Protein backbone atom coordinates (compact mmCIF):
# COMPACT_ATOMS: atom_id res chain seq x y z
CA MET A 1 0.00 0.00 0.00
CA ARG A 2 1.02 3.57 -0.65
CA LEU A 3 -0.09 6.21 1.82
CA VAL A 4 -0.14 9.97 1.33
CA THR A 5 -0.97 13.07 3.30
CA PHE A 6 -2.87 15.41 1.00
CA VAL A 7 -5.14 18.42 0.71
CA PRO A 8 -8.12 17.76 -1.60
CA LYS A 9 -8.74 21.44 -2.42
CA LYS A 10 -7.61 24.89 -1.43
CA GLY A 11 -8.61 25.74 2.13
CA ALA A 12 -9.29 22.13 3.14
CA ALA A 13 -7.56 20.45 6.06
CA PRO A 14 -4.85 17.85 5.40
CA ARG A 15 -5.84 14.19 5.70
CA VAL A 16 -4.38 10.75 5.00
CA GLY A 17 -5.10 8.95 1.74
CA LEU A 18 -4.58 5.51 0.25
CA VAL A 19 -3.26 5.50 -3.32
CA ARG A 20 -5.08 3.08 -5.64
CA ASP A 21 -3.90 2.01 -9.09
CA GLY A 22 -1.22 4.70 -9.03
CA SER A 23 -3.69 7.37 -10.14
CA GLN A 24 -6.43 7.61 -7.54
CA VAL A 25 -6.44 8.46 -3.84
CA ILE A 26 -9.01 7.28 -1.31
CA ASP A 27 -9.73 9.88 1.35
CA LEU A 28 -9.54 7.97 4.65
CA THR A 29 -11.73 10.55 6.38
CA GLN A 30 -14.54 9.42 4.07
CA ALA A 31 -13.77 5.74 3.55
CA GLY A 32 -16.69 4.21 5.42
CA SER A 33 -16.39 2.60 8.83
CA ARG A 34 -14.57 4.39 11.62
CA PRO A 35 -10.84 3.62 11.50
CA PRO A 36 -8.77 2.61 14.57
CA PHE A 37 -6.68 5.77 14.10
CA ASP A 38 -7.07 9.46 13.32
CA PRO A 39 -7.56 9.57 9.51
CA ALA A 40 -6.06 13.06 9.42
CA ASP A 41 -2.78 11.98 11.06
CA MET A 42 -0.25 9.65 9.42
CA ILE A 43 1.60 9.02 12.68
CA SER A 44 -1.67 7.89 14.29
CA LEU A 45 -2.15 5.42 11.44
CA ILE A 46 1.40 4.09 11.81
CA ALA A 47 0.98 3.68 15.57
CA ALA A 48 -2.19 1.64 15.01
CA GLY A 49 -0.02 -1.20 13.71
CA ALA A 50 -1.68 -4.37 12.43
CA LYS A 51 -5.19 -3.10 13.22
CA GLY A 52 -4.61 -0.04 11.10
CA LEU A 53 -3.24 -2.04 8.17
CA ALA A 54 -6.17 -4.46 8.31
CA TRP A 55 -8.59 -1.53 8.18
CA LEU A 56 -6.72 -0.07 5.21
CA ARG A 57 -7.08 -3.29 3.23
CA LYS A 58 -10.84 -2.99 3.57
CA ALA A 59 -10.77 0.72 2.78
CA ALA A 60 -8.96 -0.06 -0.49
CA LYS A 61 -12.27 -1.41 -1.79
CA ALA A 62 -14.05 1.93 -1.34
CA ARG A 63 -15.80 3.12 -4.48
CA LYS A 64 -15.21 6.83 -4.00
CA SER A 65 -11.79 8.27 -4.83
CA LEU A 66 -10.10 11.41 -6.13
CA PRO A 67 -7.68 11.80 -9.04
CA LEU A 68 -4.19 11.82 -7.54
CA GLY A 69 -3.10 14.52 -9.96
CA LYS A 70 -5.81 16.89 -8.73
CA VAL A 71 -4.85 16.98 -5.05
CA ARG A 72 -1.93 18.66 -3.32
CA LEU A 73 0.49 16.19 -1.81
CA LEU A 74 2.25 17.13 1.41
CA ALA A 75 5.15 15.23 2.91
CA PRO A 76 3.72 11.89 4.14
CA ILE A 77 4.52 13.04 7.70
CA PRO A 78 4.24 16.81 7.28
CA ARG A 79 5.41 17.65 10.79
CA PRO A 80 7.47 14.87 12.39
CA ARG A 81 7.28 14.73 16.17
CA LYS A 82 11.06 14.47 16.34
CA ASN A 83 14.00 15.45 14.19
CA VAL A 84 14.62 13.29 11.15
CA PHE A 85 17.46 10.89 12.02
CA CYS A 86 20.16 10.89 9.33
CA VAL A 87 23.17 8.73 8.51
CA GLY A 88 26.33 10.30 7.11
CA TRP A 89 29.01 8.66 4.99
CA ASN A 90 26.97 5.49 4.39
CA TYR A 91 28.31 4.86 0.87
CA VAL A 92 32.07 4.33 0.64
CA GLU A 93 32.40 6.23 -2.66
CA HIS A 94 30.65 9.24 -1.11
CA PHE A 95 33.08 9.15 1.82
CA GLU A 96 36.01 9.01 -0.58
CA GLU A 97 34.79 11.87 -2.80
CA GLY A 98 34.53 14.18 0.21
CA LYS A 99 38.11 13.70 1.45
CA ALA A 100 39.26 17.11 0.27
CA ALA A 101 36.72 18.86 2.50
CA ARG A 102 37.62 16.96 5.68
CA ALA A 103 40.42 17.13 8.18
CA HIS A 104 43.37 14.99 7.09
CA GLY A 105 43.53 11.45 8.44
CA ILE A 106 39.84 10.80 9.18
CA GLU A 107 39.21 7.11 8.56
CA TYR A 108 35.96 5.44 7.57
CA PRO A 109 33.89 5.17 10.78
CA ALA A 110 33.45 1.83 12.54
CA HIS A 111 29.91 2.88 13.49
CA PRO A 112 27.26 4.87 11.63
CA ALA A 113 27.70 8.65 11.77
CA PHE A 114 24.38 10.10 12.96
CA PHE A 115 23.02 13.65 12.74
CA SER A 116 19.52 15.06 12.39
CA LYS A 117 17.32 17.53 10.55
CA ALA A 118 14.69 19.56 12.43
CA PRO A 119 10.96 19.02 11.73
CA THR A 120 10.90 22.47 10.07
CA THR A 121 13.10 21.12 7.26
CA VAL A 122 10.38 18.78 5.98
CA ILE A 123 8.50 19.83 2.84
CA GLY A 124 6.34 18.02 0.31
CA PRO A 125 7.31 16.25 -2.91
CA HIS A 126 6.56 19.27 -5.12
CA ASP A 127 7.19 22.18 -2.74
CA PRO A 128 9.90 24.76 -3.45
CA VAL A 129 13.18 24.51 -1.56
CA PRO A 130 14.00 27.97 -0.09
CA LEU A 131 17.12 29.53 -1.54
CA HIS A 132 18.18 31.05 1.81
CA ALA A 133 20.05 33.87 0.09
CA GLY A 134 22.40 35.58 2.51
CA VAL A 135 22.71 32.41 4.57
CA THR A 136 24.16 30.01 2.01
CA GLU A 137 25.45 30.08 -1.54
CA LYS A 138 26.18 26.34 -1.62
CA LEU A 139 22.94 24.34 -1.63
CA ASP A 140 23.77 20.74 -2.52
CA TRP A 141 21.71 17.64 -3.37
CA GLU A 142 21.66 14.25 -1.60
CA VAL A 143 19.19 11.53 -2.66
CA GLU A 144 18.39 9.09 0.15
CA LEU A 145 16.08 6.21 1.02
CA GLY A 146 13.90 7.02 4.01
CA VAL A 147 12.86 4.35 6.52
CA ILE A 148 9.72 4.87 8.59
CA ILE A 149 9.59 3.20 12.00
CA GLY A 150 6.39 1.33 12.86
CA LYS A 151 6.72 -0.66 16.05
CA GLY A 152 8.75 1.31 18.57
CA GLY A 153 11.54 -0.01 20.74
CA ILE A 154 14.87 0.51 22.45
CA ASN A 155 18.03 -1.60 22.12
CA ILE A 156 16.59 -3.31 19.03
CA ARG A 157 18.67 -6.23 17.81
CA GLU A 158 19.75 -6.39 14.18
CA THR A 159 17.92 -9.69 13.80
CA ASP A 160 14.68 -8.02 14.88
CA ALA A 161 15.10 -4.72 13.05
CA TRP A 162 12.87 -5.48 10.05
CA LYS A 163 9.94 -6.04 12.43
CA HIS A 164 10.16 -2.36 13.36
CA VAL A 165 9.95 -0.99 9.80
CA PHE A 166 6.55 0.35 8.75
CA GLY A 167 7.59 1.46 5.30
CA TYR A 168 9.80 3.55 3.04
CA THR A 169 9.85 6.97 1.40
CA VAL A 170 12.10 9.18 -0.75
CA ILE A 171 14.16 11.97 0.84
CA ASN A 172 16.63 14.56 -0.33
CA ASP A 173 19.02 15.74 2.40
CA VAL A 174 19.58 19.17 0.85
CA SER A 175 22.69 20.63 2.49
CA ALA A 176 24.20 24.11 2.86
CA ARG A 177 27.81 23.09 2.51
CA GLU A 178 29.65 26.13 3.87
CA VAL A 179 27.24 26.36 6.81
CA GLN A 180 27.69 22.64 7.42
CA ARG A 181 31.40 23.19 8.04
CA GLN A 182 31.62 26.59 9.69
CA HIS A 183 30.31 25.48 13.09
CA GLY A 184 33.25 23.44 14.34
CA GLN A 185 32.60 20.77 11.69
CA GLN A 186 29.26 20.02 13.38
CA TRP A 187 26.88 19.21 10.53
CA PHE A 188 23.58 20.05 12.22
CA LYS A 189 23.21 23.72 11.30
CA GLY A 190 24.07 23.27 7.63
CA LYS A 191 21.75 20.27 7.36
CA THR A 192 18.72 21.81 9.04
CA LEU A 193 17.80 25.06 7.28
CA ASP A 194 14.06 25.39 6.84
CA GLY A 195 12.61 23.52 3.86
CA THR A 196 15.70 21.44 3.10
CA CYS A 197 14.18 17.99 3.48
CA PRO A 198 11.85 17.24 0.54
CA MET A 199 10.03 14.00 1.29
CA GLY A 200 7.45 11.74 -0.33
CA PRO A 201 5.54 11.42 -2.46
CA TRP A 202 4.14 8.71 -0.17
CA ILE A 203 5.06 5.98 2.27
CA ALA A 204 5.17 2.54 0.67
CA THR A 205 4.40 -0.04 3.34
CA ALA A 206 7.10 -2.60 4.06
CA ASP A 207 5.19 -5.46 2.43
CA GLU A 208 5.29 -3.62 -0.90
CA VAL A 209 9.07 -3.14 -0.99
CA HIS A 210 10.40 -6.66 -1.40
CA GLU A 211 14.12 -5.84 -1.35
CA PRO A 212 14.89 -2.45 0.20
CA GLN A 213 18.62 -3.15 -0.10
CA ALA A 214 18.42 -3.39 -3.89
CA LEU A 215 16.79 -0.12 -4.94
CA ARG A 216 18.21 2.21 -7.56
CA LEU A 217 18.35 5.83 -6.40
CA THR A 218 19.07 8.87 -8.55
CA SER A 219 19.11 12.66 -8.39
CA ARG A 220 18.86 15.07 -11.31
CA VAL A 221 19.21 18.85 -11.59
CA ASN A 222 17.48 20.41 -14.60
CA GLY A 223 17.26 16.94 -16.14
CA THR A 224 20.97 16.15 -15.80
CA THR A 225 21.77 13.09 -13.69
CA LYS A 226 23.99 13.87 -10.72
CA GLN A 227 23.74 10.69 -8.63
CA ASP A 228 22.94 7.16 -9.76
CA SER A 229 23.54 4.28 -7.38
CA ASN A 230 21.83 1.47 -5.51
CA THR A 231 20.95 0.85 -1.86
CA SER A 232 22.87 -2.42 -2.12
CA TYR A 233 26.03 -0.29 -1.77
CA MET A 234 25.09 1.00 1.69
CA TYR A 235 28.01 0.31 4.01
CA PHE A 236 25.78 0.04 7.09
CA LYS A 237 22.63 -1.82 6.10
CA ILE A 238 19.21 -0.91 7.46
CA PRO A 239 19.18 -3.48 10.34
CA ARG A 240 22.58 -2.24 11.57
CA ILE A 241 21.40 1.38 11.41
CA ILE A 242 18.27 0.62 13.42
CA ALA A 243 20.18 -1.43 15.99
CA GLU A 244 22.85 1.22 16.59
CA LEU A 245 20.43 4.16 16.55
CA SER A 246 18.12 2.46 19.06
CA ALA A 247 20.93 1.60 21.49
CA GLY A 248 19.82 3.49 24.58
CA LEU A 249 17.45 5.63 22.46
CA THR A 250 13.78 4.78 22.09
CA LEU A 251 12.47 4.75 18.53
CA GLU A 252 8.76 5.49 18.22
CA PRO A 253 6.09 5.00 15.56
CA GLY A 254 6.52 7.57 12.82
CA ASP A 255 10.22 8.19 13.42
CA ILE A 256 12.07 8.80 10.15
CA ILE A 257 15.56 7.58 9.30
CA SER A 258 17.34 8.94 6.21
CA THR A 259 19.87 6.27 5.34
CA GLY A 260 22.66 8.17 3.58
CA THR A 261 23.55 9.36 0.09
CA PRO A 262 25.79 7.89 -2.62
CA ALA A 263 28.57 9.62 -4.59
CA GLY A 264 27.87 12.44 -7.01
CA VAL A 265 27.16 15.39 -4.71
CA GLY A 266 27.90 18.88 -5.95
CA HIS A 267 30.59 20.03 -3.54
CA ALA A 268 32.88 17.11 -4.52
CA ARG A 269 32.76 17.85 -8.25
CA THR A 270 35.50 19.59 -10.23
CA PRO A 271 34.67 22.42 -10.24
CA PRO A 272 32.08 22.28 -7.42
CA GLU A 273 28.44 22.65 -8.44
CA PHE A 274 25.62 24.07 -6.34
CA MET A 275 21.95 24.74 -6.96
CA LYS A 276 20.67 28.19 -7.89
CA SER A 277 17.30 29.89 -8.05
CA GLY A 278 15.02 28.30 -10.65
CA ASP A 279 16.82 24.96 -10.76
CA VAL A 280 14.59 21.87 -10.67
CA LEU A 281 15.76 19.11 -8.35
CA GLU A 282 14.44 15.60 -9.04
CA THR A 283 14.97 12.90 -6.45
CA GLU A 284 13.99 9.33 -7.25
CA VAL A 285 14.12 5.88 -5.75
CA VAL A 286 13.13 3.85 -8.78
CA GLY A 287 9.88 1.98 -8.25
CA LEU A 288 9.28 3.80 -4.98
CA GLY A 289 8.67 7.42 -5.92
CA LEU A 290 9.84 10.71 -7.43
CA LEU A 291 10.17 14.19 -5.91
CA ARG A 292 10.34 17.30 -8.08
CA ASN A 293 11.26 20.49 -6.23
CA ARG A 294 12.14 23.91 -7.64
CA ILE A 295 14.87 25.87 -5.89
CA GLY A 296 13.68 29.24 -4.67
CA LYS A 297 10.14 30.60 -4.53
């Protein structure tokens, strides 16, 4: 199943929808029997677990639907309750291409490098990415696979990690490169400017994504391919990420993990390339979804 948060028309309140046949969306606020979750809140649906999924399977048979192309899609979780958890340096080639921008002698980490993006970074699959003129001149692209936590837990074992995955989405970890490095090499500030986490267009539930570690992911700027890789090249696989992140830290339903980006980012190119006003950024995990975001408003 593919689940969206959408607005059916101007002035209407956001609600959760179930995508049918790739072209229609069923409004869960009008899908018949009362659901075991708040149909206007994706996190409530995720927290409902098996009961929520069972209800959705029945709702999929609803006759009434809306054309997907006629509604406004928001990020699947428009306002996360926590920061988006992110993994740095999770593709070896990406680590290698960034050597010139790092302190000499830093070796590939033995454990995942974690950072986060604030909830205010999250925008929808077709929303503009703010240019932030005067703050940054070096907006860069980073296609990533997003993992959505379903069943919560702490100290989750790698062997149990898949049981805690609700589904997957597409993310771009847009980064302000000079800001990222001017705060004592702490990444947080440069990774968390408002509107720099396009996400969507939906959450595909885990049962729909048969091999999440074999997905092609690409980014394009103005139609030119910048990144083209596969999640099979992740250095730390999804179970390892979940296990290490949850060590002493409780993961909860609706938590979002962005699993790292492959080689091809702008700052590592010769000469470096960065996005400018009017550029169109496309972010795709093939078979999962496509984001299309213009830079600047």
